[in-house]
Amino acid sequence: MTTGPIENEIKELLNKELNPINLEIINESYMHNVPKGSESHFKVKIVSEKFETLSMIEQHRLVNEILKNYIGNGKIHALSITSRTPTQWKKNNQPPIVDDKSPSCKGGFGK
């Protein structure tokens, strides 16, 4: 699957700021009422040592802060974050980060 420029920029920023052990970025825009090829809805699954002393909400705030120029200006409409510390990840033998399926689109663009 080809990644778009926004997805690549998200990956670059998160790699630079959090030096993750594991990072997965999923463009879920296709699941929503947006034009084909859009990059507006993302899921981020990330494992970083920088999360070790942070609560889950603090981890998510950190990711949001790093991506604030994308969220605040409308480049990203929706961002789902699943974060883990290396300790949490290793405790489960480093499996892929599994989370709940993203919700179905409820409309959008005034629908």
PDB file of N, CA and C in Angstrom:
ATOM      1  N   MET A   1       0.844  -1.173   0.000  1.00  0.00           N
ATOM      2  CA  MET A   1       0.000   0.000   0.000  1.00  0.00           C
ATOM      3  C   MET A   1       0.896   1.245   0.000  1.00  0.00           C
ATOM      4  N   THR A   2       0.545   2.189  -0.812  1.00  0.00           N
ATOM      5  CA  THR A   2       1.299   3.435  -0.905  1.00  0.00           C
ATOM      6  C   THR A   2       0.887   4.371   0.213  1.00  0.00           C
ATOM      7  N   THR A   3       1.870   5.022   0.799  1.00  0.00           N
ATOM      8  CA  THR A   3       1.565   6.006   1.846  1.00  0.00           C
ATOM      9  C   THR A   3       1.594   7.399   1.231  1.00  0.00           C
ATOM     10  N   GLY A   4       0.745   8.250   1.765  1.00  0.00           N
ATOM     11  CA  GLY A   4       0.661   9.610   1.277  1.00  0.00           C
ATOM     12  C   GLY A   4       1.585  10.542   2.037  1.00  0.00           C
ATOM     13  N   PRO A   5       1.641  11.800   1.596  1.00  0.00           N
ATOM     14  CA  PRO A   5       2.561  12.752   2.223  1.00  0.00           C
ATOM     15  C   PRO A   5       2.247  13.053   3.690  1.00  0.00           C
ATOM     16  N   ILE A   6       0.984  13.153   4.060  1.00  0.00           N
ATOM     17  CA  ILE A   6       0.652  13.447   5.455  1.00  0.00           C
ATOM     18  C   ILE A   6       1.031  12.268   6.340  1.00  0.00           C
ATOM     19  N   GLU A   7       0.726  11.066   5.906  1.00  0.00           N
ATOM     20  CA  GLU A   7       1.101   9.869   6.668  1.00  0.00           C
ATOM     21  C   GLU A   7       2.626   9.811   6.854  1.00  0.00           C
ATOM     22  N   ASN A   8       3.359  10.107   5.801  1.00  0.00           N
ATOM     23  CA  ASN A   8       4.828  10.113   5.893  1.00  0.00           C
ATOM     24  C   ASN A   8       5.324  11.176   6.863  1.00  0.00           C
ATOM     25  N   GLU A   9       4.704  12.356   6.842  1.00  0.00           N
ATOM     26  CA  GLU A   9       5.100  13.424   7.760  1.00  0.00           C
ATOM     27  C   GLU A   9       4.800  13.056   9.213  1.00  0.00           C
ATOM     28  N   ILE A  10       3.656  12.427   9.446  1.00  0.00           N
ATOM     29  CA  ILE A  10       3.304  11.961  10.795  1.00  0.00           C
ATOM     30  C   ILE A  10       4.365  10.972  11.281  1.00  0.00           C
ATOM     31  N   LYS A  11       4.699  10.029  10.434  1.00  0.00           N
ATOM     32  CA  LYS A  11       5.705   9.021  10.792  1.00  0.00           C
ATOM     33  C   LYS A  11       7.045   9.684  11.111  1.00  0.00           C
ATOM     34  N   GLU A  12       7.463  10.622  10.276  1.00  0.00           N
ATOM     35  CA  GLU A  12       8.730  11.313  10.483  1.00  0.00           C
ATOM     36  C   GLU A  12       8.748  12.075  11.814  1.00  0.00           C
ATOM     37  N   LEU A  13       7.681  12.801  12.105  1.00  0.00           N
ATOM     38  CA  LEU A  13       7.604  13.568  13.353  1.00  0.00           C
ATOM     39  C   LEU A  13       7.635  12.664  14.581  1.00  0.00           C
ATOM     40  N   LEU A  14       6.831  11.600  14.563  1.00  0.00           N
ATOM     41  CA  LEU A  14       6.775  10.697  15.712  1.00  0.00           C
ATOM     42  C   LEU A  14       8.106   9.967  15.899  1.00  0.00           C
ATOM     43  N   ASN A  15       8.734   9.570  14.797  1.00  0.00           N
ATOM     44  CA  ASN A  15      10.053   8.931  14.902  1.00  0.00           C
ATOM     45  C   ASN A  15      11.073   9.888  15.501  1.00  0.00           C
ATOM     46  N   LYS A  16      11.059  11.131  15.055  1.00  0.00           N
ATOM     47  CA  LYS A  16      12.020  12.135  15.532  1.00  0.00           C
ATOM     48  C   LYS A  16      11.820  12.442  17.013  1.00  0.00           C
ATOM     49  N   GLU A  17      10.585  12.653  17.417  1.00  0.00           N
ATOM     50  CA  GLU A  17      10.297  13.104  18.783  1.00  0.00           C
ATOM     51  C   GLU A  17      10.229  11.981  19.813  1.00  0.00           C
ATOM     52  N   LEU A  18       9.781  10.799  19.415  1.00  0.00           N
ATOM     53  CA  LEU A  18       9.548   9.725  20.387  1.00  0.00           C
ATOM     54  C   LEU A  18      10.454   8.516  20.208  1.00  0.00           C
ATOM     55  N   ASN A  19      11.207   8.467  19.124  1.00  0.00           N
ATOM     56  CA  ASN A  19      12.101   7.343  18.873  1.00  0.00           C
ATOM     57  C   ASN A  19      11.432   6.012  19.239  1.00  0.00           C
ATOM     58  N   PRO A  20      10.318   5.705  18.604  1.00  0.00           N
ATOM     59  CA  PRO A  20       9.553   4.526  19.015  1.00  0.00           C
ATOM     60  C   PRO A  20      10.242   3.199  18.708  1.00  0.00           C
ATOM     61  N   ILE A  21       9.956   2.235  19.550  1.00  0.00           N
ATOM     62  CA  ILE A  21      10.413   0.864  19.343  1.00  0.00           C
ATOM     63  C   ILE A  21       9.537   0.211  18.284  1.00  0.00           C
ATOM     64  N   ASN A  22       8.282   0.602  18.288  1.00  0.00           N
ATOM     65  CA  ASN A  22       7.313   0.086  17.322  1.00  0.00           C
ATOM     66  C   ASN A  22       6.371   1.230  16.955  1.00  0.00           C
ATOM     67  N   LEU A  23       6.121   1.409  15.674  1.00  0.00           N
ATOM     68  CA  LEU A  23       5.222   2.454  15.211  1.00  0.00           C
ATOM     69  C   LEU A  23       4.446   1.955  14.015  1.00  0.00           C
ATOM     70  N   GLU A  24       3.145   2.082  14.105  1.00  0.00           N
ATOM     71  CA  GLU A  24       2.268   1.710  12.998  1.00  0.00           C
ATOM     72  C   GLU A  24       1.292   2.861  12.789  1.00  0.00           C
ATOM     73  N   ILE A  25       1.209   3.338  11.576  1.00  0.00           N
ATOM     74  CA  ILE A  25       0.278   4.404  11.237  1.00  0.00           C
ATOM     75  C   ILE A  25      -0.651   3.870  10.162  1.00  0.00           C
ATOM     76  N   ILE A  26      -1.941   3.951  10.436  1.00  0.00           N
ATOM     77  CA  ILE A  26      -2.945   3.409   9.523  1.00  0.00           C
ATOM     78  C   ILE A  26      -3.849   4.544   9.060  1.00  0.00           C
ATOM     79  N   ASN A  27      -3.909   4.735   7.765  1.00  0.00           N
ATOM     80  CA  ASN A  27      -4.811   5.723   7.191  1.00  0.00           C
ATOM     81  C   ASN A  27      -6.191   5.077   7.072  1.00  0.00           C
ATOM     82  N   GLU A  28      -7.115   5.525   7.899  1.00  0.00           N
ATOM     83  CA  GLU A  28      -8.473   4.965   7.900  1.00  0.00           C
ATOM     84  C   GLU A  28      -9.467   5.854   7.156  1.00  0.00           C
ATOM     85  N   SER A  29      -8.965   6.777   6.381  1.00  0.00           N
ATOM     86  CA  SER A  29      -9.834   7.714   5.672  1.00  0.00           C
ATOM     87  C   SER A  29     -10.821   6.993   4.749  1.00  0.00           C
ATOM     88  N   TYR A  30     -10.395   5.883   4.167  1.00  0.00           N
ATOM     89  CA  TYR A  30     -11.257   5.140   3.253  1.00  0.00           C
ATOM     90  C   TYR A  30     -12.555   4.675   3.925  1.00  0.00           C
ATOM     91  N   MET A  31     -12.557   4.606   5.251  1.00  0.00           N
ATOM     92  CA  MET A  31     -13.731   4.153   6.008  1.00  0.00           C
ATOM     93  C   MET A  31     -14.751   5.273   6.224  1.00  0.00           C
ATOM     94  N   HIS A  32     -14.446   6.460   5.730  1.00  0.00           N
ATOM     95  CA  HIS A  32     -15.255   7.630   6.019  1.00  0.00           C
ATOM     96  C   HIS A  32     -15.720   8.309   4.736  1.00  0.00           C
ATOM     97  N   ASN A  33     -16.611   9.244   4.898  1.00  0.00           N
ATOM     98  CA  ASN A  33     -17.218   9.939   3.777  1.00  0.00           C
ATOM     99  C   ASN A  33     -16.311  11.075   3.306  1.00  0.00           C
ATOM    100  N   VAL A  34     -15.185  10.684   2.705  1.00  0.00           N
ATOM    101  CA  VAL A  34     -14.205  11.649   2.198  1.00  0.00           C
ATOM    102  C   VAL A  34     -13.812  11.224   0.787  1.00  0.00           C
ATOM    103  N   PRO A  35     -13.271  12.133   0.011  1.00  0.00           N
ATOM    104  CA  PRO A  35     -12.848  11.767  -1.345  1.00  0.00           C
ATOM    105  C   PRO A  35     -11.786  10.665  -1.336  1.00  0.00           C
ATOM    106  N   LYS A  36     -11.784   9.866  -2.372  1.00  0.00           N
ATOM    107  CA  LYS A  36     -10.795   8.799  -2.520  1.00  0.00           C
ATOM    108  C   LYS A  36      -9.390   9.392  -2.449  1.00  0.00           C
ATOM    109  N   GLY A  37      -8.495   8.710  -1.739  1.00  0.00           N
ATOM    110  CA  GLY A  37      -7.119   9.160  -1.603  1.00  0.00           C
ATOM    111  C   GLY A  37      -6.897  10.165  -0.478  1.00  0.00           C
ATOM    112  N   SER A  38      -7.954  10.449   0.293  1.00  0.00           N
ATOM    113  CA  SER A  38      -7.837  11.416   1.390  1.00  0.00           C
ATOM    114  C   SER A  38      -6.915  10.899   2.489  1.00  0.00           C
ATOM    115  N   GLU A  39      -6.364  11.845   3.237  1.00  0.00           N
ATOM    116  CA  GLU A  39      -5.551  11.548   4.409  1.00  0.00           C
ATOM    117  C   GLU A  39      -6.079  12.410   5.549  1.00  0.00           C
ATOM    118  N   SER A  40      -7.195  11.991   6.107  1.00  0.00           N
ATOM    119  CA  SER A  40      -7.856  12.802   7.129  1.00  0.00           C
ATOM    120  C   SER A  40      -8.126  12.046   8.422  1.00  0.00           C
ATOM    121  N   HIS A  41      -8.160  10.734   8.383  1.00  0.00           N
ATOM    122  CA  HIS A  41      -8.481   9.900   9.543  1.00  0.00           C
ATOM    123  C   HIS A  41      -7.348   8.889   9.732  1.00  0.00           C
ATOM    124  N   PHE A  42      -6.674   8.966  10.892  1.00  0.00           N
ATOM    125  CA  PHE A  42      -5.531   8.085  11.137  1.00  0.00           C
ATOM    126  C   PHE A  42      -5.639   7.366  12.472  1.00  0.00           C
ATOM    127  N   LYS A  43      -5.051   6.187  12.491  1.00  0.00           N
ATOM    128  CA  LYS A  43      -4.852   5.434  13.735  1.00  0.00           C
ATOM    129  C   LYS A  43      -3.344   5.299  13.910  1.00  0.00           C
ATOM    130  N   VAL A  44      -2.861   5.631  15.115  1.00  0.00           N
ATOM    131  CA  VAL A  44      -1.443   5.504  15.453  1.00  0.00           C
ATOM    132  C   VAL A  44      -1.307   4.483  16.566  1.00  0.00           C
ATOM    133  N   LYS A  45      -0.465   3.482  16.339  1.00  0.00           N
ATOM    134  CA  LYS A  45      -0.122   2.493  17.356  1.00  0.00           C
ATOM    135  C   LYS A  45       1.369   2.655  17.609  1.00  0.00           C
ATOM    136  N   ILE A  46       1.726   2.958  18.861  1.00  0.00           N
ATOM    137  CA  ILE A  46       3.107   3.350  19.139  1.00  0.00           C
ATOM    138  C   ILE A  46       3.601   2.818  20.483  1.00  0.00           C
ATOM    139  N   VAL A  47       4.874   2.404  20.498  1.00  0.00           N
ATOM    140  CA  VAL A  47       5.565   1.970  21.721  1.00  0.00           C
ATOM    141  C   VAL A  47       6.819   2.834  21.847  1.00  0.00           C
ATOM    142  N   SER A  48       6.951   3.529  22.987  1.00  0.00           N
ATOM    143  CA  SER A  48       8.099   4.411  23.174  1.00  0.00           C
ATOM    144  C   SER A  48       8.549   4.428  24.634  1.00  0.00           C
ATOM    145  N   GLU A  49       9.865   4.485  24.825  1.00  0.00           N
ATOM    146  CA  GLU A  49      10.420   4.624  26.178  1.00  0.00           C
ATOM    147  C   GLU A  49       9.994   5.947  26.810  1.00  0.00           C
ATOM    148  N   LYS A  50       9.714   6.939  26.007  1.00  0.00           N
ATOM    149  CA  LYS A  50       9.313   8.248  26.531  1.00  0.00           C
ATOM    150  C   LYS A  50       7.955   8.192  27.223  1.00  0.00           C
ATOM    151  N   PHE A  51       7.245   7.079  27.096  1.00  0.00           N
ATOM    152  CA  PHE A  51       5.950   6.909  27.755  1.00  0.00           C
ATOM    153  C   PHE A  51       6.075   6.290  29.151  1.00  0.00           C
ATOM    154  N   GLU A  52       7.257   5.792  29.514  1.00  0.00           N
ATOM    155  CA  GLU A  52       7.427   5.009  30.756  1.00  0.00           C
ATOM    156  C   GLU A  52       6.892   5.694  32.013  1.00  0.00           C
ATOM    157  N   THR A  53       7.060   6.981  32.153  1.00  0.00           N
ATOM    158  CA  THR A  53       6.625   7.664  33.377  1.00  0.00           C
ATOM    159  C   THR A  53       5.283   8.385  33.205  1.00  0.00           C
ATOM    160  N   LEU A  54       4.660   8.200  32.061  1.00  0.00           N
ATOM    161  CA  LEU A  54       3.424   8.936  31.752  1.00  0.00           C
ATOM    162  C   LEU A  54       2.196   8.053  31.858  1.00  0.00           C
ATOM    163  N   SER A  55       1.100   8.657  32.291  1.00  0.00           N
ATOM    164  CA  SER A  55      -0.179   7.948  32.256  1.00  0.00           C
ATOM    165  C   SER A  55      -0.626   7.853  30.797  1.00  0.00           C
ATOM    166  N   MET A  56      -1.630   7.051  30.535  1.00  0.00           N
ATOM    167  CA  MET A  56      -2.115   6.908  29.169  1.00  0.00           C
ATOM    168  C   MET A  56      -2.586   8.248  28.591  1.00  0.00           C
ATOM    169  N   ILE A  57      -3.302   9.021  29.385  1.00  0.00           N
ATOM    170  CA  ILE A  57      -3.783  10.320  28.894  1.00  0.00           C
ATOM    171  C   ILE A  57      -2.601  11.245  28.597  1.00  0.00           C
ATOM    172  N   GLU A  58      -1.551  11.183  29.416  1.00  0.00           N
ATOM    173  CA  GLU A  58      -0.354  11.994  29.164  1.00  0.00           C
ATOM    174  C   GLU A  58       0.377  11.537  27.891  1.00  0.00           C
ATOM    175  N   GLN A  59       0.382  10.236  27.655  1.00  0.00           N
ATOM    176  CA  GLN A  59       0.975   9.700  26.428  1.00  0.00           C
ATOM    177  C   GLN A  59       0.230  10.248  25.211  1.00  0.00           C
ATOM    178  N   HIS A  60      -1.091  10.213  25.283  1.00  0.00           N
ATOM    179  CA  HIS A  60      -1.913  10.682  24.164  1.00  0.00           C
ATOM    180  C   HIS A  60      -1.769  12.192  23.976  1.00  0.00           C
ATOM    181  N   ARG A  61      -1.690  12.912  25.072  1.00  0.00           N
ATOM    182  CA  ARG A  61      -1.480  14.363  24.972  1.00  0.00           C
ATOM    183  C   ARG A  61      -0.142  14.670  24.311  1.00  0.00           C
ATOM    184  N   LEU A  62       0.876  13.877  24.621  1.00  0.00           N
ATOM    185  CA  LEU A  62       2.193  14.079  24.020  1.00  0.00           C
ATOM    186  C   LEU A  62       2.124  13.865  22.502  1.00  0.00           C
ATOM    187  N   VAL A  63       1.488  12.798  22.085  1.00  0.00           N
ATOM    188  CA  VAL A  63       1.337  12.531  20.645  1.00  0.00           C
ATOM    189  C   VAL A  63       0.545  13.665  19.992  1.00  0.00           C
ATOM    190  N   ASN A  64      -0.543  14.089  20.627  1.00  0.00           N
ATOM    191  CA  ASN A  64      -1.335  15.196  20.083  1.00  0.00           C
ATOM    192  C   ASN A  64      -0.520  16.480  19.996  1.00  0.00           C
ATOM    193  N   GLU A  65       0.311  16.740  20.991  1.00  0.00           N
ATOM    194  CA  GLU A  65       1.151  17.937  20.982  1.00  0.00           C
ATOM    195  C   GLU A  65       2.139  17.894  19.812  1.00  0.00           C
ATOM    196  N   ILE A  66       2.727  16.737  19.582  1.00  0.00           N
ATOM    197  CA  ILE A  66       3.676  16.580  18.476  1.00  0.00           C
ATOM    198  C   ILE A  66       2.987  16.814  17.135  1.00  0.00           C
ATOM    199  N   LEU A  67       1.736  16.404  17.034  1.00  0.00           N
ATOM    200  CA  LEU A  67       0.992  16.513  15.770  1.00  0.00           C
ATOM    201  C   LEU A  67       0.052  17.714  15.724  1.00  0.00           C
ATOM    202  N   LYS A  68       0.205  18.656  16.643  1.00  0.00           N
ATOM    203  CA  LYS A  68      -0.747  19.769  16.762  1.00  0.00           C
ATOM    204  C   LYS A  68      -0.880  20.592  15.481  1.00  0.00           C
ATOM    205  N   ASN A  69       0.172  20.727  14.707  1.00  0.00           N
ATOM    206  CA  ASN A  69       0.078  21.496  13.466  1.00  0.00           C
ATOM    207  C   ASN A  69      -0.759  20.798  12.395  1.00  0.00           C
ATOM    208  N   TYR A  70      -1.002  19.519  12.580  1.00  0.00           N
ATOM    209  CA  TYR A  70      -1.846  18.775  11.648  1.00  0.00           C
ATOM    210  C   TYR A  70      -3.290  18.733  12.132  1.00  0.00           C
ATOM    211  N   ILE A  71      -3.449  18.604  13.437  1.00  0.00           N
ATOM    212  CA  ILE A  71      -4.787  18.514  14.013  1.00  0.00           C
ATOM    213  C   ILE A  71      -5.442  19.889  14.047  1.00  0.00           C
ATOM    214  N   GLY A  72      -4.706  20.886  14.464  1.00  0.00           N
ATOM    215  CA  GLY A  72      -5.251  22.228  14.640  1.00  0.00           C
ATOM    216  C   GLY A  72      -5.634  22.944  13.360  1.00  0.00           C
ATOM    217  N   ASN A  73      -5.019  22.578  12.248  1.00  0.00           N
ATOM    218  CA  ASN A  73      -5.313  23.298  11.011  1.00  0.00           C
ATOM    219  C   ASN A  73      -6.211  22.511  10.064  1.00  0.00           C
ATOM    220  N   GLY A  74      -6.712  21.383  10.517  1.00  0.00           N
ATOM    221  CA  GLY A  74      -7.659  20.627   9.719  1.00  0.00           C
ATOM    222  C   GLY A  74      -7.057  19.619   8.765  1.00  0.00           C
ATOM    223  N   LYS A  75      -5.731  19.468   8.762  1.00  0.00           N
ATOM    224  CA  LYS A  75      -5.139  18.431   7.907  1.00  0.00           C
ATOM    225  C   LYS A  75      -5.588  17.051   8.356  1.00  0.00           C
ATOM    226  N   ILE A  76      -5.675  16.873   9.684  1.00  0.00           N
ATOM    227  CA  ILE A  76      -6.161  15.610  10.249  1.00  0.00           C
ATOM    228  C   ILE A  76      -7.507  15.892  10.916  1.00  0.00           C
ATOM    229  N   HIS A  77      -8.515  15.163  10.509  1.00  0.00           N
ATOM    230  CA  HIS A  77      -9.843  15.322  11.088  1.00  0.00           C
ATOM    231  C   HIS A  77     -10.005  14.439  12.327  1.00  0.00           C
ATOM    232  N   ALA A  78      -9.429  13.233  12.281  1.00  0.00           N
ATOM    233  CA  ALA A  78      -9.586  12.289  13.382  1.00  0.00           C
ATOM    234  C   ALA A  78      -8.283  11.527  13.602  1.00  0.00           C
ATOM    235  N   LEU A  79      -7.944  11.350  14.886  1.00  0.00           N
ATOM    236  CA  LEU A  79      -6.729  10.632  15.254  1.00  0.00           C
ATOM    237  C   LEU A  79      -7.034   9.696  16.404  1.00  0.00           C
ATOM    238  N   SER A  80      -6.826   8.409  16.174  1.00  0.00           N
ATOM    239  CA  SER A  80      -6.984   7.388  17.204  1.00  0.00           C
ATOM    240  C   SER A  80      -5.580   6.957  17.620  1.00  0.00           C
ATOM    241  N   ILE A  81      -5.335   6.889  18.934  1.00  0.00           N
ATOM    242  CA  ILE A  81      -3.997   6.559  19.430  1.00  0.00           C
ATOM    243  C   ILE A  81      -4.079   5.351  20.361  1.00  0.00           C
ATOM    244  N   THR A  82      -3.224   4.383  20.098  1.00  0.00           N
ATOM    245  CA  THR A  82      -3.005   3.273  21.019  1.00  0.00           C
ATOM    246  C   THR A  82      -1.527   3.320  21.368  1.00  0.00           C
ATOM    247  N   SER A  83      -1.232   3.590  22.632  1.00  0.00           N
ATOM    248  CA  SER A  83       0.162   3.742  23.058  1.00  0.00           C
ATOM    249  C   SER A  83       0.509   2.718  24.129  1.00  0.00           C
ATOM    250  N   ARG A  84       1.782   2.321  24.132  1.00  0.00           N
ATOM    251  CA  ARG A  84       2.294   1.377  25.125  1.00  0.00           C
ATOM    252  C   ARG A  84       3.708   1.798  25.526  1.00  0.00           C
ATOM    253  N   THR A  85       4.076   1.454  26.731  1.00  0.00           N
ATOM    254  CA  THR A  85       5.465   1.579  27.154  1.00  0.00           C
ATOM    255  C   THR A  85       6.178   0.302  26.713  1.00  0.00           C
ATOM    256  N   PRO A  86       7.500   0.326  26.609  1.00  0.00           N
ATOM    257  CA  PRO A  86       8.219  -0.917  26.290  1.00  0.00           C
ATOM    258  C   PRO A  86       7.945  -2.013  27.322  1.00  0.00           C
ATOM    259  N   THR A  87       7.821  -1.610  28.583  1.00  0.00           N
ATOM    260  CA  THR A  87       7.524  -2.584  29.637  1.00  0.00           C
ATOM    261  C   THR A  87       6.186  -3.280  29.373  1.00  0.00           C
ATOM    262  N   GLN A  88       5.166  -2.510  29.034  1.00  0.00           N
ATOM    263  CA  GLN A  88       3.857  -3.094  28.730  1.00  0.00           C
ATOM    264  C   GLN A  88       3.934  -3.987  27.500  1.00  0.00           C
ATOM    265  N   TRP A  89       4.655  -3.546  26.511  1.00  0.00           N
ATOM    266  CA  TRP A  89       4.763  -4.280  25.256  1.00  0.00           C
ATOM    267  C   TRP A  89       5.513  -5.591  25.454  1.00  0.00           C
ATOM    268  N   LYS A  90       6.634  -5.532  26.196  1.00  0.00           N
ATOM    269  CA  LYS A  90       7.445  -6.728  26.438  1.00  0.00           C
ATOM    270  C   LYS A  90       6.716  -7.728  27.327  1.00  0.00           C
ATOM    271  N   LYS A  91       5.904  -7.209  28.228  1.00  0.00           N
ATOM    272  CA  LYS A  91       5.135  -8.071  29.124  1.00  0.00           C
ATOM    273  C   LYS A  91       4.247  -9.028  28.328  1.00  0.00           C
ATOM    274  N   ASN A  92       3.837  -8.590  27.159  1.00  0.00           N
ATOM    275  CA  ASN A  92       2.993  -9.403  26.291  1.00  0.00           C
ATOM    276  C   ASN A  92       3.784 -10.010  25.137  1.00  0.00           C
ATOM    277  N   ASN A  93       5.102 -10.202  25.333  1.00  0.00           N
ATOM    278  CA  ASN A  93       5.981 -10.826  24.341  1.00  0.00           C
ATOM    279  C   ASN A  93       6.004 -10.106  23.005  1.00  0.00           C
ATOM    280  N   GLN A  94       5.910  -8.794  23.026  1.00  0.00           N
ATOM    281  CA  GLN A  94       6.001  -7.939  21.854  1.00  0.00           C
ATOM    282  C   GLN A  94       5.032  -8.311  20.728  1.00  0.00           C
ATOM    283  N   PRO A  95       3.789  -8.571  21.076  1.00  0.00           N
ATOM    284  CA  PRO A  95       2.839  -8.867  20.002  1.00  0.00           C
ATOM    285  C   PRO A  95       2.488  -7.585  19.271  1.00  0.00           C
ATOM    286  N   PRO A  96       1.864  -7.719  18.113  1.00  0.00           N
ATOM    287  CA  PRO A  96       1.349  -6.503  17.481  1.00  0.00           C
ATOM    288  C   PRO A  96       0.382  -5.835  18.452  1.00  0.00           C
ATOM    289  N   ILE A  97       0.323  -4.540  18.413  1.00  0.00           N
ATOM    290  CA  ILE A  97      -0.616  -3.832  19.273  1.00  0.00           C
ATOM    291  C   ILE A  97      -2.012  -4.040  18.697  1.00  0.00           C
ATOM    292  N   VAL A  98      -2.836  -4.699  19.469  1.00  0.00           N
ATOM    293  CA  VAL A  98      -4.199  -4.977  19.031  1.00  0.00           C
ATOM    294  C   VAL A  98      -5.130  -4.049  19.783  1.00  0.00           C
ATOM    295  N   ASP A  99      -6.032  -3.461  19.076  1.00  0.00           N
ATOM    296  CA  ASP A  99      -7.020  -2.606  19.722  1.00  0.00           C
ATOM    297  C   ASP A  99      -8.365  -2.836  19.066  1.00  0.00           C
ATOM    298  N   ASP A 100      -9.354  -2.168  19.586  1.00  0.00           N
ATOM    299  CA  ASP A 100     -10.682  -2.315  19.034  1.00  0.00           C
ATOM    300  C   ASP A 100     -10.745  -1.752  17.634  1.00  0.00           C
ATOM    301  N   LYS A 101     -11.656  -2.314  16.869  1.00  0.00           N
ATOM    302  CA  LYS A 101     -11.889  -1.819  15.516  1.00  0.00           C
ATOM    303  C   LYS A 101     -12.413  -0.393  15.588  1.00  0.00           C
ATOM    304  N   SER A 102     -11.973   0.427  14.669  1.00  0.00           N
ATOM    305  CA  SER A 102     -12.457   1.799  14.627  1.00  0.00           C
ATOM    306  C   SER A 102     -13.941   1.822  14.292  1.00  0.00           C
ATOM    307  N   PRO A 103     -14.659   2.813  14.819  1.00  0.00           N
ATOM    308  CA  PRO A 103     -16.096   2.887  14.552  1.00  0.00           C
ATOM    309  C   PRO A 103     -16.383   3.214  13.104  1.00  0.00           C
ATOM    310  N   SER A 104     -17.553   2.818  12.659  1.00  0.00           N
ATOM    311  CA  SER A 104     -17.986   3.137  11.304  1.00  0.00           C
ATOM    312  C   SER A 104     -18.255   4.623  11.190  1.00  0.00           C
ATOM    313  N   CYS A 105     -18.159   5.107   9.974  1.00  0.00           N
ATOM    314  CA  CYS A 105     -18.409   6.507   9.705  1.00  0.00           C
ATOM    315  C   CYS A 105     -19.887   6.821   9.934  1.00  0.00           C
ATOM    316  N   LYS A 106     -20.159   7.933  10.582  1.00  0.00           N
ATOM    317  CA  LYS A 106     -21.533   8.371  10.852  1.00  0.00           C
ATOM    318  C   LYS A 106     -21.976   9.468   9.888  1.00  0.00           C
ATOM    319  N   GLY A 107     -21.196   9.685   8.858  1.00  0.00           N
ATOM    320  CA  GLY A 107     -21.574  10.730   7.895  1.00  0.00           C
ATOM    321  C   GLY A 107     -20.413  11.638   7.647  1.00  0.00           C
ATOM    322  N   GLY A 108     -20.626  12.894   7.841  1.00  0.00           N
ATOM    323  CA  GLY A 108     -19.573  13.868   7.599  1.00  0.00           C
ATOM    324  C   GLY A 108     -19.947  14.764   6.451  1.00  0.00           C
ATOM    325  N   PHE A 109     -19.201  15.825   6.301  1.00  0.00           N
ATOM    326  CA  PHE A 109     -19.455  16.797   5.250  1.00  0.00           C
ATOM    327  C   PHE A 109     -20.916  17.211   5.221  1.00  0.00           C
ATOM    328  N   GLY A 110     -21.463  17.453   6.427  1.00  0.00           N
ATOM    329  CA  GLY A 110     -22.825  17.960   6.533  1.00  0.00           C
ATOM    330  C   GLY A 110     -23.920  16.925   6.403  1.00  0.00           C
ATOM    331  N   LYS A 111     -23.562  15.653   6.402  1.00  0.00           N
ATOM    332  CA  LYS A 111     -24.591  14.615   6.267  1.00  0.00           C
ATOM    333  C   LYS A 111     -25.075  14.146   7.610  1.00  0.00           C
TER     334      LYS A 111
END
